Amino acid sequence: MMSGFQNSCIITIDGPAGTGKSTVANALAARLGLKCLDTGALYRAIALLALEADCDLSDGDALVSLASDAKLHFDWDQDPPVILIGDRDVSDRIRDLDVSDSVSQVARQPELRTVLTSVQRQVAKAYPRLVTEGRDQGSVVFPDADFRFFLDADEKVRAQRRSIQLSASGEAIDEEAVLQNIRERDRIDRSRKAAPLVRPEGSILIDSTNLSIEEVVDRMACIVRGDGGEG
């Protein structure tokens, strides 16, 4: 129950692309009065830098060098927090399809994952009341988190949601291309050697296929507060 976590509460939300993790995590954090860490934004920002620098997406050392020089940080005064490279807000740019096409390749590099895992744990030390979402939060980064959720949904529903998100940002959308992107990211994320996407043992599974964002957040909040079950 939340009353037991006045000074510290780590909640992880993992799941594949397009399940609404970022939206759910931000809404849950706002509901519970916690900070929210979008770890995917870190990998997306590095993917963007790699694309701009024409860097080999499979060169882990080069990606680490980009990350070290990037002055990558979040503006925690914004709601939700925005991610910046230096003074440049890239929160919208990193959601474009070219970055989405590249991020799984970037994220599979173990050298980069080691660096960004350390960054994520540093954030949790600075903000110990935290909702954090990604692919390996409950399995690798915070295996001892107070609450660990795994958010899933049918791949076609995920592609539809992603298409709506991209359309809202003004990007021309090919829904079939979005679906293929989702499938390819799933394949890469689940098969990579470094921190593959898995449902953490003992985590709470929530299938959002037929649930709204509000319904997902309600369910998670009830579990965290201790006034509702998993179903």
C-alpha atoms as a PDB file:
ATOM      1  CA  MET A   1       0.000   0.000   0.000  1.00  0.00           C
ATOM      2  CA  MET A   2       1.197   3.513  -0.743  1.00  0.00           C
ATOM      3  CA  SER A   3       1.061   4.509   2.929  1.00  0.00           C
ATOM      4  CA  GLY A   4       4.051   2.215   3.475  1.00  0.00           C
ATOM      5  CA  PHE A   5       6.211   4.033   0.929  1.00  0.00           C
ATOM      6  CA  GLN A   6       6.350   7.619   2.104  1.00  0.00           C
ATOM      7  CA  ASN A   7      10.062   7.975   1.295  1.00  0.00           C
ATOM      8  CA  SER A   8      10.608   5.354  -1.383  1.00  0.00           C
ATOM      9  CA  CYS A   9       8.447   3.531  -3.923  1.00  0.00           C
ATOM     10  CA  ILE A  10       9.749   2.128  -7.195  1.00  0.00           C
ATOM     11  CA  ILE A  11       7.132   0.935  -9.697  1.00  0.00           C
ATOM     12  CA  THR A  12       8.278  -0.671 -12.953  1.00  0.00           C
ATOM     13  CA  ILE A  13       6.234  -1.043 -16.131  1.00  0.00           C
ATOM     14  CA  ASP A  14       7.701  -3.230 -18.860  1.00  0.00           C
ATOM     15  CA  GLY A  15       6.238  -4.387 -22.143  1.00  0.00           C
ATOM     16  CA  PRO A  16       6.630  -4.417 -25.918  1.00  0.00           C
ATOM     17  CA  ALA A  17       6.314  -1.445 -28.269  1.00  0.00           C
ATOM     18  CA  GLY A  18       2.943   0.233 -28.620  1.00  0.00           C
ATOM     19  CA  THR A  19       1.333  -0.926 -25.383  1.00  0.00           C
ATOM     20  CA  GLY A  20       1.029   2.620 -24.059  1.00  0.00           C
ATOM     21  CA  LYS A  21       3.722   2.275 -21.408  1.00  0.00           C
ATOM     22  CA  SER A  22       4.797   5.924 -21.530  1.00  0.00           C
ATOM     23  CA  THR A  23       1.251   7.281 -21.335  1.00  0.00           C
ATOM     24  CA  VAL A  24       0.287   4.853 -18.577  1.00  0.00           C
ATOM     25  CA  ALA A  25       3.464   5.513 -16.599  1.00  0.00           C
ATOM     26  CA  ASN A  26       2.987   9.284 -16.711  1.00  0.00           C
ATOM     27  CA  ALA A  27      -0.671   9.010 -15.729  1.00  0.00           C
ATOM     28  CA  LEU A  28       0.070   6.568 -12.901  1.00  0.00           C
ATOM     29  CA  ALA A  29       2.880   8.758 -11.584  1.00  0.00           C
ATOM     30  CA  ALA A  30       0.583  11.792 -11.617  1.00  0.00           C
ATOM     31  CA  ARG A  31      -2.151   9.809  -9.856  1.00  0.00           C
ATOM     32  CA  LEU A  32       0.195   8.651  -7.085  1.00  0.00           C
ATOM     33  CA  GLY A  33       2.331  11.775  -6.779  1.00  0.00           C
ATOM     34  CA  LEU A  34       5.528  10.133  -8.063  1.00  0.00           C
ATOM     35  CA  LYS A  35       8.138  11.070 -10.662  1.00  0.00           C
ATOM     36  CA  CYS A  36       8.138   9.258 -14.016  1.00  0.00           C
ATOM     37  CA  LEU A  37      11.136   7.944 -15.962  1.00  0.00           C
ATOM     38  CA  ASP A  38      10.693   7.049 -19.639  1.00  0.00           C
ATOM     39  CA  THR A  39      13.780   4.915 -20.225  1.00  0.00           C
ATOM     40  CA  GLY A  40      12.876   4.356 -23.858  1.00  0.00           C
ATOM     41  CA  ALA A  41      13.391   8.073 -24.420  1.00  0.00           C
ATOM     42  CA  LEU A  42      17.052   7.643 -23.480  1.00  0.00           C
ATOM     43  CA  TYR A  43      17.577   4.952 -26.109  1.00  0.00           C
ATOM     44  CA  ARG A  44      15.563   6.902 -28.657  1.00  0.00           C
ATOM     45  CA  ALA A  45      17.661  10.011 -28.061  1.00  0.00           C
ATOM     46  CA  ILE A  46      20.846   8.033 -28.678  1.00  0.00           C
ATOM     47  CA  ALA A  47      19.281   6.514 -31.803  1.00  0.00           C
ATOM     48  CA  LEU A  48      18.483  10.032 -33.034  1.00  0.00           C
ATOM     49  CA  LEU A  49      22.053  11.160 -32.402  1.00  0.00           C
ATOM     50  CA  ALA A  50      23.364   8.099 -34.231  1.00  0.00           C
ATOM     51  CA  LEU A  51      21.165   8.817 -37.247  1.00  0.00           C
ATOM     52  CA  GLU A  52      22.243  12.452 -37.321  1.00  0.00           C
ATOM     53  CA  ALA A  53      25.917  11.471 -37.043  1.00  0.00           C
ATOM     54  CA  ASP A  54      25.578   8.659 -39.604  1.00  0.00           C
ATOM     55  CA  CYS A  55      26.897   6.329 -36.920  1.00  0.00           C
ATOM     56  CA  ASP A  56      26.853   2.538 -37.238  1.00  0.00           C
ATOM     57  CA  LEU A  57      23.875   1.471 -35.104  1.00  0.00           C
ATOM     58  CA  SER A  58      25.640  -1.765 -34.172  1.00  0.00           C
ATOM     59  CA  ASP A  59      28.832  -0.074 -32.941  1.00  0.00           C
ATOM     60  CA  GLY A  60      28.372  -0.170 -29.178  1.00  0.00           C
ATOM     61  CA  ASP A  61      31.533   1.787 -28.377  1.00  0.00           C
ATOM     62  CA  ALA A  62      30.572   4.571 -30.797  1.00  0.00           C
ATOM     63  CA  LEU A  63      27.094   4.749 -29.270  1.00  0.00           C
ATOM     64  CA  VAL A  64      28.586   4.987 -25.780  1.00  0.00           C
ATOM     65  CA  SER A  65      30.789   7.828 -27.018  1.00  0.00           C
ATOM     66  CA  LEU A  66      27.716   9.612 -28.384  1.00  0.00           C
ATOM     67  CA  ALA A  67      25.927   9.121 -25.065  1.00  0.00           C
ATOM     68  CA  SER A  68      28.918  10.437 -23.104  1.00  0.00           C
ATOM     69  CA  ASP A  69      29.135  13.595 -25.207  1.00  0.00           C
ATOM     70  CA  ALA A  70      25.394  14.204 -25.528  1.00  0.00           C
ATOM     71  CA  LYS A  71      24.597  16.076 -22.294  1.00  0.00           C
ATOM     72  CA  LEU A  72      21.399  14.041 -22.212  1.00  0.00           C
ATOM     73  CA  HIS A  73      19.002  14.940 -19.401  1.00  0.00           C
ATOM     74  CA  PHE A  74      15.366  15.298 -18.393  1.00  0.00           C
ATOM     75  CA  ASP A  75      13.598  18.507 -17.431  1.00  0.00           C
ATOM     76  CA  TRP A  76      11.782  17.300 -14.325  1.00  0.00           C
ATOM     77  CA  ASP A  77       9.923  20.602 -13.968  1.00  0.00           C
ATOM     78  CA  GLN A  78       7.812  19.700 -17.011  1.00  0.00           C
ATOM     79  CA  ASP A  79       4.774  17.424 -16.760  1.00  0.00           C
ATOM     80  CA  PRO A  80       5.455  14.963 -18.225  1.00  0.00           C
ATOM     81  CA  PRO A  81       9.235  15.401 -18.105  1.00  0.00           C
ATOM     82  CA  VAL A  82      10.837  16.224 -21.451  1.00  0.00           C
ATOM     83  CA  ILE A  83      14.161  14.861 -22.664  1.00  0.00           C
ATOM     84  CA  LEU A  84      16.836  17.232 -23.898  1.00  0.00           C
ATOM     85  CA  ILE A  85      20.130  16.920 -25.706  1.00  0.00           C
ATOM     86  CA  GLY A  86      21.929  19.928 -24.326  1.00  0.00           C
ATOM     87  CA  ASP A  87      19.324  22.693 -24.642  1.00  0.00           C
ATOM     88  CA  ARG A  88      17.420  20.946 -27.458  1.00  0.00           C
ATOM     89  CA  ASP A  89      14.064  19.394 -26.590  1.00  0.00           C
ATOM     90  CA  VAL A  90      13.836  16.189 -28.641  1.00  0.00           C
ATOM     91  CA  SER A  91      10.741  14.730 -26.959  1.00  0.00           C
ATOM     92  CA  ASP A  92       8.671  14.861 -30.161  1.00  0.00           C
ATOM     93  CA  ARG A  93      11.446  14.159 -32.646  1.00  0.00           C
ATOM     94  CA  ILE A  94      12.405  10.855 -31.019  1.00  0.00           C
ATOM     95  CA  ARG A  95       8.893   9.493 -31.668  1.00  0.00           C
ATOM     96  CA  ASP A  96       9.239   9.781 -35.462  1.00  0.00           C
ATOM     97  CA  LEU A  97       9.238   6.579 -37.481  1.00  0.00           C
ATOM     98  CA  ASP A  98      12.896   6.779 -38.552  1.00  0.00           C
ATOM     99  CA  VAL A  99      13.936   6.744 -34.902  1.00  0.00           C
ATOM    100  CA  SER A 100      11.435   3.972 -34.134  1.00  0.00           C
ATOM    101  CA  ASP A 101      12.953   1.936 -36.958  1.00  0.00           C
ATOM    102  CA  SER A 102      16.421   2.327 -35.426  1.00  0.00           C
ATOM    103  CA  VAL A 103      15.971   2.222 -31.664  1.00  0.00           C
ATOM    104  CA  SER A 104      15.819  -1.556 -31.170  1.00  0.00           C
ATOM    105  CA  GLN A 105      19.117  -1.984 -33.017  1.00  0.00           C
ATOM    106  CA  VAL A 106      20.677   0.668 -30.791  1.00  0.00           C
ATOM    107  CA  ALA A 107      19.150  -0.754 -27.614  1.00  0.00           C
ATOM    108  CA  ARG A 108      20.518  -4.254 -28.231  1.00  0.00           C
ATOM    109  CA  GLN A 109      24.133  -3.084 -27.834  1.00  0.00           C
ATOM    110  CA  PRO A 110      25.347  -4.299 -24.410  1.00  0.00           C
ATOM    111  CA  GLU A 111      27.914  -1.517 -24.016  1.00  0.00           C
ATOM    112  CA  LEU A 112      25.205   1.121 -24.274  1.00  0.00           C
ATOM    113  CA  ARG A 113      22.781  -0.786 -22.051  1.00  0.00           C
ATOM    114  CA  THR A 114      25.408  -0.916 -19.295  1.00  0.00           C
ATOM    115  CA  VAL A 115      25.857   2.855 -19.418  1.00  0.00           C
ATOM    116  CA  LEU A 116      22.144   3.687 -19.544  1.00  0.00           C
ATOM    117  CA  THR A 117      21.284   1.166 -16.815  1.00  0.00           C
ATOM    118  CA  SER A 118      23.648   3.092 -14.558  1.00  0.00           C
ATOM    119  CA  VAL A 119      21.968   6.363 -15.566  1.00  0.00           C
ATOM    120  CA  GLN A 120      18.542   4.927 -14.716  1.00  0.00           C
ATOM    121  CA  ARG A 121      19.671   3.767 -11.275  1.00  0.00           C
ATOM    122  CA  GLN A 122      21.148   7.197 -10.606  1.00  0.00           C
ATOM    123  CA  VAL A 123      17.763   8.739 -11.423  1.00  0.00           C
ATOM    124  CA  ALA A 124      16.119   6.391  -8.911  1.00  0.00           C
ATOM    125  CA  LYS A 125      18.597   7.462  -6.233  1.00  0.00           C
ATOM    126  CA  ALA A 126      17.782  11.108  -6.900  1.00  0.00           C
ATOM    127  CA  TYR A 127      14.023  10.441  -7.168  1.00  0.00           C
ATOM    128  CA  PRO A 128      13.264   7.347  -5.035  1.00  0.00           C
ATOM    129  CA  ARG A 129       9.508   7.752  -5.494  1.00  0.00           C
ATOM    130  CA  LEU A 130       9.429   6.749  -9.138  1.00  0.00           C
ATOM    131  CA  VAL A 131       7.418   5.069 -11.874  1.00  0.00           C
ATOM    132  CA  THR A 132       9.855   3.802 -14.494  1.00  0.00           C
ATOM    133  CA  GLU A 133       8.957   2.160 -17.792  1.00  0.00           C
ATOM    134  CA  GLY A 134      10.840   0.324 -20.495  1.00  0.00           C
ATOM    135  CA  ARG A 135      11.821  -3.179 -21.590  1.00  0.00           C
ATOM    136  CA  ASP A 136      14.008  -4.383 -18.704  1.00  0.00           C
ATOM    137  CA  GLN A 137      13.031  -2.303 -15.699  1.00  0.00           C
ATOM    138  CA  GLY A 138      11.572  -5.080 -13.569  1.00  0.00           C
ATOM    139  CA  SER A 139      13.849  -7.817 -14.898  1.00  0.00           C
ATOM    140  CA  VAL A 140      17.286  -6.145 -14.862  1.00  0.00           C
ATOM    141  CA  VAL A 141      17.397  -2.531 -13.696  1.00  0.00           C
ATOM    142  CA  PHE A 142      15.090  -2.714 -10.667  1.00  0.00           C
ATOM    143  CA  PRO A 143      14.424  -6.414  -9.954  1.00  0.00           C
ATOM    144  CA  ASP A 144      13.598  -5.566  -6.322  1.00  0.00           C
ATOM    145  CA  ALA A 145      11.076  -2.831  -7.183  1.00  0.00           C
ATOM    146  CA  ASP A 146       8.072  -2.492  -4.894  1.00  0.00           C
ATOM    147  CA  PHE A 147       5.651  -3.173  -7.762  1.00  0.00           C
ATOM    148  CA  ARG A 148       6.474  -4.679 -11.147  1.00  0.00           C
ATOM    149  CA  PHE A 149       3.956  -4.622 -13.990  1.00  0.00           C
ATOM    150  CA  PHE A 150       4.120  -6.135 -17.470  1.00  0.00           C
ATOM    151  CA  LEU A 151       1.852  -4.379 -19.962  1.00  0.00           C
ATOM    152  CA  ASP A 152       0.914  -6.252 -23.126  1.00  0.00           C
ATOM    153  CA  ALA A 153      -1.617  -6.015 -25.984  1.00  0.00           C
ATOM    154  CA  ASP A 154      -2.430  -7.575 -29.342  1.00  0.00           C
ATOM    155  CA  GLU A 155       0.099  -6.485 -31.984  1.00  0.00           C
ATOM    156  CA  LYS A 156      -2.552  -5.090 -34.344  1.00  0.00           C
ATOM    157  CA  VAL A 157      -4.033  -2.988 -31.550  1.00  0.00           C
ATOM    158  CA  ARG A 158      -0.552  -1.764 -30.693  1.00  0.00           C
ATOM    159  CA  ALA A 159       0.047  -0.792 -34.321  1.00  0.00           C
ATOM    160  CA  GLN A 160      -3.262   1.097 -34.442  1.00  0.00           C
ATOM    161  CA  ARG A 161      -2.375   3.025 -31.301  1.00  0.00           C
ATOM    162  CA  ARG A 162       1.072   3.845 -32.638  1.00  0.00           C
ATOM    163  CA  SER A 163      -0.419   5.043 -35.946  1.00  0.00           C
ATOM    164  CA  ILE A 164      -2.787   7.367 -34.095  1.00  0.00           C
ATOM    165  CA  GLN A 165       0.127   8.747 -32.075  1.00  0.00           C
ATOM    166  CA  LEU A 166       2.187   9.403 -35.197  1.00  0.00           C
ATOM    167  CA  SER A 167      -0.762  10.961 -37.046  1.00  0.00           C
ATOM    168  CA  ALA A 168      -1.333  13.336 -34.141  1.00  0.00           C
ATOM    169  CA  SER A 169       2.236  14.584 -34.547  1.00  0.00           C
ATOM    170  CA  GLY A 170       1.577  15.343 -38.217  1.00  0.00           C
ATOM    171  CA  GLU A 171       3.545  12.457 -39.694  1.00  0.00           C
ATOM    172  CA  ALA A 172       2.249  10.685 -42.812  1.00  0.00           C
ATOM    173  CA  ILE A 173       1.364   7.147 -41.789  1.00  0.00           C
ATOM    174  CA  ASP A 174       1.459   3.802 -43.560  1.00  0.00           C
ATOM    175  CA  GLU A 175      -0.340   1.544 -41.070  1.00  0.00           C
ATOM    176  CA  GLU A 176       1.115  -1.627 -42.580  1.00  0.00           C
ATOM    177  CA  ALA A 177       4.617  -0.188 -42.199  1.00  0.00           C
ATOM    178  CA  VAL A 178       3.859   0.621 -38.564  1.00  0.00           C
ATOM    179  CA  LEU A 179       2.691  -2.959 -37.961  1.00  0.00           C
ATOM    180  CA  GLN A 180       5.837  -4.355 -39.574  1.00  0.00           C
ATOM    181  CA  ASN A 181       7.929  -1.994 -37.438  1.00  0.00           C
ATOM    182  CA  ILE A 182       6.163  -3.281 -34.309  1.00  0.00           C
ATOM    183  CA  ARG A 183       6.800  -6.900 -35.309  1.00  0.00           C
ATOM    184  CA  GLU A 184      10.459  -6.284 -36.089  1.00  0.00           C
ATOM    185  CA  ARG A 185      11.012  -4.422 -32.828  1.00  0.00           C
ATOM    186  CA  ASP A 186       9.350  -7.277 -30.930  1.00  0.00           C
ATOM    187  CA  ARG A 187      11.656  -9.769 -32.642  1.00  0.00           C
ATOM    188  CA  ILE A 188      14.795  -7.790 -31.873  1.00  0.00           C
ATOM    189  CA  ASP A 189      13.775  -6.889 -28.320  1.00  0.00           C
ATOM    190  CA  ARG A 190      12.886 -10.465 -27.379  1.00  0.00           C
ATOM    191  CA  SER A 191      15.938 -12.087 -29.000  1.00  0.00           C
ATOM    192  CA  ARG A 192      18.747  -9.732 -28.016  1.00  0.00           C
ATOM    193  CA  LYS A 193      21.430 -11.166 -25.725  1.00  0.00           C
ATOM    194  CA  ALA A 194      21.638  -8.127 -23.444  1.00  0.00           C
ATOM    195  CA  ALA A 195      18.524  -7.687 -21.271  1.00  0.00           C
ATOM    196  CA  PRO A 196      15.952  -9.172 -23.665  1.00  0.00           C
ATOM    197  CA  LEU A 197      12.307  -8.243 -23.319  1.00  0.00           C
ATOM    198  CA  VAL A 198      10.744 -10.794 -20.956  1.00  0.00           C
ATOM    199  CA  ARG A 199       7.943 -10.739 -18.459  1.00  0.00           C
ATOM    200  CA  PRO A 200       9.762 -10.496 -15.105  1.00  0.00           C
ATOM    201  CA  GLU A 201       9.109 -13.465 -12.848  1.00  0.00           C
ATOM    202  CA  GLY A 202       6.489 -12.513 -10.276  1.00  0.00           C
ATOM    203  CA  SER A 203       5.383  -9.386 -12.142  1.00  0.00           C
ATOM    204  CA  ILE A 204       1.725  -8.460 -12.616  1.00  0.00           C
ATOM    205  CA  LEU A 205       0.473  -8.964 -16.176  1.00  0.00           C
ATOM    206  CA  ILE A 206      -2.027  -6.471 -17.565  1.00  0.00           C
ATOM    207  CA  ASP A 207      -3.405  -7.040 -21.070  1.00  0.00           C
ATOM    208  CA  SER A 208      -4.501  -3.644 -22.365  1.00  0.00           C
ATOM    209  CA  THR A 209      -5.953  -4.897 -25.661  1.00  0.00           C
ATOM    210  CA  ASN A 210      -9.515  -4.068 -24.603  1.00  0.00           C
ATOM    211  CA  LEU A 211      -8.716  -1.509 -21.917  1.00  0.00           C
ATOM    212  CA  SER A 212      -8.481   2.267 -22.109  1.00  0.00           C
ATOM    213  CA  ILE A 213      -5.494   4.101 -20.658  1.00  0.00           C
ATOM    214  CA  GLU A 214      -7.654   5.205 -17.730  1.00  0.00           C
ATOM    215  CA  GLU A 215      -8.744   1.632 -17.054  1.00  0.00           C
ATOM    216  CA  VAL A 216      -5.148   0.416 -17.045  1.00  0.00           C
ATOM    217  CA  VAL A 217      -4.090   3.210 -14.699  1.00  0.00           C
ATOM    218  CA  ASP A 218      -7.070   2.533 -12.420  1.00  0.00           C
ATOM    219  CA  ARG A 219      -6.109  -1.129 -12.194  1.00  0.00           C
ATOM    220  CA  MET A 220      -2.471  -0.397 -11.415  1.00  0.00           C
ATOM    221  CA  ALA A 221      -3.311   2.305  -8.885  1.00  0.00           C
ATOM    222  CA  CYS A 222      -5.680  -0.036  -7.049  1.00  0.00           C
ATOM    223  CA  ILE A 223      -2.964  -2.680  -6.794  1.00  0.00           C
ATOM    224  CA  VAL A 224      -0.356  -0.205  -5.544  1.00  0.00           C
ATOM    225  CA  ARG A 225      -2.731   1.316  -3.014  1.00  0.00           C
ATOM    226  CA  GLY A 226      -3.780  -2.116  -1.869  1.00  0.00           C
ATOM    227  CA  ASP A 227      -7.488  -1.633  -2.493  1.00  0.00           C
ATOM    228  CA  GLY A 228      -7.840  -3.837  -5.551  1.00  0.00           C
ATOM    229  CA  GLY A 229      -6.735  -7.134  -7.016  1.00  0.00           C
ATOM    230  CA  GLU A 230      -4.887  -8.038 -10.162  1.00  0.00           C
ATOM    231  CA  GLY A 231      -7.984  -8.741 -12.216  1.00  0.00           C
END
